[in-house]
Amino acid sequence: MSFKANHGQDPRIEFEVRRERKYKGAEKIIMKMKEIQEEVKVVLGKAQEKMKRYADRKRAKVNEYRVEDLVMLSTKDLKYQMVCRKTEKLIEKFIGPYKIKKVILSNAVELELPSIVKIHLVVNVSRVQKYIG
């Protein structure tokens, strides 16, 4: 019963099953198993929809970036990488604009950064924002 619910198919049986007689009890069990499987499919479908709704609620729409676009870089995680910045309170939220040299898949971009910014040139798109100016 649980094998078919988990794998979606009956287990392979290496011996031939006798089908000469009909057993009323076996037919009842088979019908009950089919009902359970249908219930499991419905419940799993509802759970998948609920998980998708929850995940999509937290998922942001990704901006499409192209080479030569100008973007602003978030300074949220750059406190110690920023040279010549004395006071943490006065650091800007975004610095830039910087030009995109290369788009890597849809979730990372390579930037043309000055030497003052001591980080790797490839950053996740969650750390950049399109420059409007």
Protein backbone atom coordinates (compact mmCIF):
# COMPACT_ATOMS: atom_id res chain seq x y z
CA MET A 1 0.00 0.00 0.00
CA SER A 2 2.69 2.52 0.92
CA PHE A 3 5.01 1.38 -1.89
CA LYS A 4 2.55 2.46 -4.57
CA ALA A 5 1.77 5.68 -2.70
CA ASN A 6 5.49 6.52 -2.53
CA HIS A 7 6.63 5.31 -5.96
CA GLY A 8 3.48 5.52 -8.08
CA GLN A 9 3.74 1.95 -9.32
CA ASP A 10 3.30 -1.56 -8.05
CA PRO A 11 6.42 -3.42 -6.91
CA ARG A 12 7.82 -5.94 -9.37
CA ILE A 13 6.98 -9.49 -8.43
CA GLU A 14 9.25 -12.17 -9.83
CA PHE A 15 6.77 -15.04 -9.60
CA GLU A 16 3.54 -15.52 -11.48
CA VAL A 17 0.43 -14.63 -9.53
CA ARG A 18 -2.41 -17.10 -9.72
CA ARG A 19 -5.58 -15.55 -11.06
CA GLU A 20 -7.80 -18.59 -11.15
CA ARG A 21 -9.93 -17.67 -8.18
CA LYS A 22 -11.43 -14.34 -7.24
CA TYR A 23 -11.06 -13.29 -3.66
CA LYS A 24 -13.60 -10.80 -2.36
CA GLY A 25 -11.27 -9.69 0.42
CA ALA A 26 -8.46 -8.95 -2.02
CA GLU A 27 -10.75 -6.84 -4.21
CA LYS A 28 -11.81 -4.82 -1.17
CA ILE A 29 -8.18 -4.23 -0.24
CA ILE A 30 -7.35 -3.15 -3.79
CA MET A 31 -10.25 -0.70 -3.86
CA LYS A 32 -9.22 0.68 -0.47
CA MET A 33 -5.63 1.12 -1.70
CA LYS A 34 -6.83 3.00 -4.78
CA GLU A 35 -8.94 5.30 -2.60
CA ILE A 36 -5.95 5.97 -0.34
CA GLN A 37 -3.77 6.75 -3.35
CA GLU A 38 -6.30 9.24 -4.69
CA GLU A 39 -6.52 10.91 -1.29
CA VAL A 40 -2.73 11.07 -1.09
CA LYS A 41 -2.54 12.67 -4.56
CA VAL A 42 -5.07 15.34 -3.58
CA VAL A 43 -3.35 16.11 -0.27
CA LEU A 44 0.11 16.25 -1.88
CA GLY A 45 -1.21 18.53 -4.63
CA LYS A 46 -2.64 20.92 -2.04
CA ALA A 47 0.62 20.87 -0.07
CA GLN A 48 2.62 21.63 -3.23
CA GLU A 49 0.36 24.57 -4.10
CA LYS A 50 0.65 25.94 -0.57
CA MET A 51 4.47 25.64 -0.59
CA LYS A 52 4.65 27.31 -4.01
CA ARG A 53 2.46 30.22 -2.86
CA TYR A 54 4.67 30.68 0.22
CA ALA A 55 7.90 30.53 -1.79
CA ASP A 56 6.59 32.89 -4.48
CA ARG A 57 5.55 35.41 -1.84
CA LYS A 58 9.17 35.78 -0.73
CA ARG A 59 10.62 35.55 -4.24
CA ALA A 60 11.38 38.86 -5.87
CA LYS A 61 11.16 39.53 -9.57
CA VAL A 62 14.60 39.53 -11.14
CA ASN A 63 15.62 42.52 -13.20
CA GLU A 64 17.07 41.67 -16.55
CA TYR A 65 20.60 43.04 -16.69
CA ARG A 66 22.62 43.50 -19.87
CA VAL A 67 26.23 44.30 -20.60
CA GLU A 68 26.95 48.06 -20.41
CA ASP A 69 24.01 48.71 -18.01
CA LEU A 70 24.79 50.97 -15.07
CA VAL A 71 24.02 49.63 -11.59
CA MET A 72 24.40 50.73 -8.00
CA LEU A 73 26.18 48.35 -5.59
CA SER A 74 24.81 47.77 -2.08
CA THR A 75 27.21 48.54 0.76
CA LYS A 76 25.35 46.34 3.24
CA ASP A 77 28.16 43.75 3.40
CA LEU A 78 31.06 46.02 2.41
CA LYS A 79 31.88 47.65 5.77
CA TYR A 80 35.46 46.36 5.96
CA GLN A 81 36.12 46.25 2.23
CA MET A 82 35.57 49.98 1.77
CA VAL A 83 38.89 51.78 2.03
CA CYS A 84 38.98 55.39 3.36
CA ARG A 85 35.60 55.14 5.11
CA LYS A 86 36.02 56.09 8.77
CA THR A 87 32.48 56.20 10.17
CA GLU A 88 30.13 53.30 9.63
CA LYS A 89 27.05 55.49 10.17
CA LEU A 90 27.92 57.74 7.26
CA ILE A 91 28.44 55.03 4.64
CA GLU A 92 26.01 55.31 1.74
CA LYS A 93 23.49 52.49 1.20
CA PHE A 94 24.49 52.18 -2.46
CA ILE A 95 27.64 53.23 -4.27
CA GLY A 96 28.22 53.63 -7.96
CA PRO A 97 27.10 53.65 -10.69
CA TYR A 98 29.23 50.86 -12.09
CA LYS A 99 29.11 49.34 -15.54
CA ILE A 100 28.28 45.66 -16.07
CA LYS A 101 31.09 43.89 -17.96
CA LYS A 102 29.46 40.47 -18.16
CA VAL A 103 26.18 38.77 -17.21
CA ILE A 104 26.68 35.34 -15.63
CA LEU A 105 23.52 33.24 -15.89
CA SER A 106 20.60 35.26 -14.55
CA ASN A 107 21.70 35.68 -10.96
CA ALA A 108 25.19 37.17 -11.13
CA VAL A 109 26.97 40.01 -12.92
CA GLU A 110 30.59 41.02 -13.32
CA LEU A 111 31.18 44.71 -12.64
CA GLU A 112 33.87 47.23 -13.53
CA LEU A 113 34.84 48.28 -10.00
CA PRO A 114 37.42 50.87 -8.95
CA SER A 115 40.35 49.89 -6.75
CA ILE A 116 38.69 51.46 -3.69
CA VAL A 117 36.13 48.62 -3.60
CA LYS A 118 38.03 45.56 -2.39
CA ILE A 119 35.62 42.77 -3.36
CA HIS A 120 35.35 40.17 -6.08
CA LEU A 121 34.16 41.58 -9.40
CA VAL A 122 31.34 39.02 -9.71
CA VAL A 123 28.38 39.82 -7.46
CA ASN A 124 24.90 38.41 -7.03
CA VAL A 125 22.07 40.45 -8.54
CA SER A 126 20.53 40.81 -5.07
CA ARG A 127 23.41 43.18 -4.24
CA VAL A 128 22.89 45.50 -7.22
CA GLN A 129 20.15 47.86 -8.27
CA LYS A 130 19.59 49.47 -11.67
CA TYR A 131 20.88 53.01 -11.88
CA ILE A 132 18.23 55.58 -12.69
CA GLY A 133 19.86 58.81 -13.50
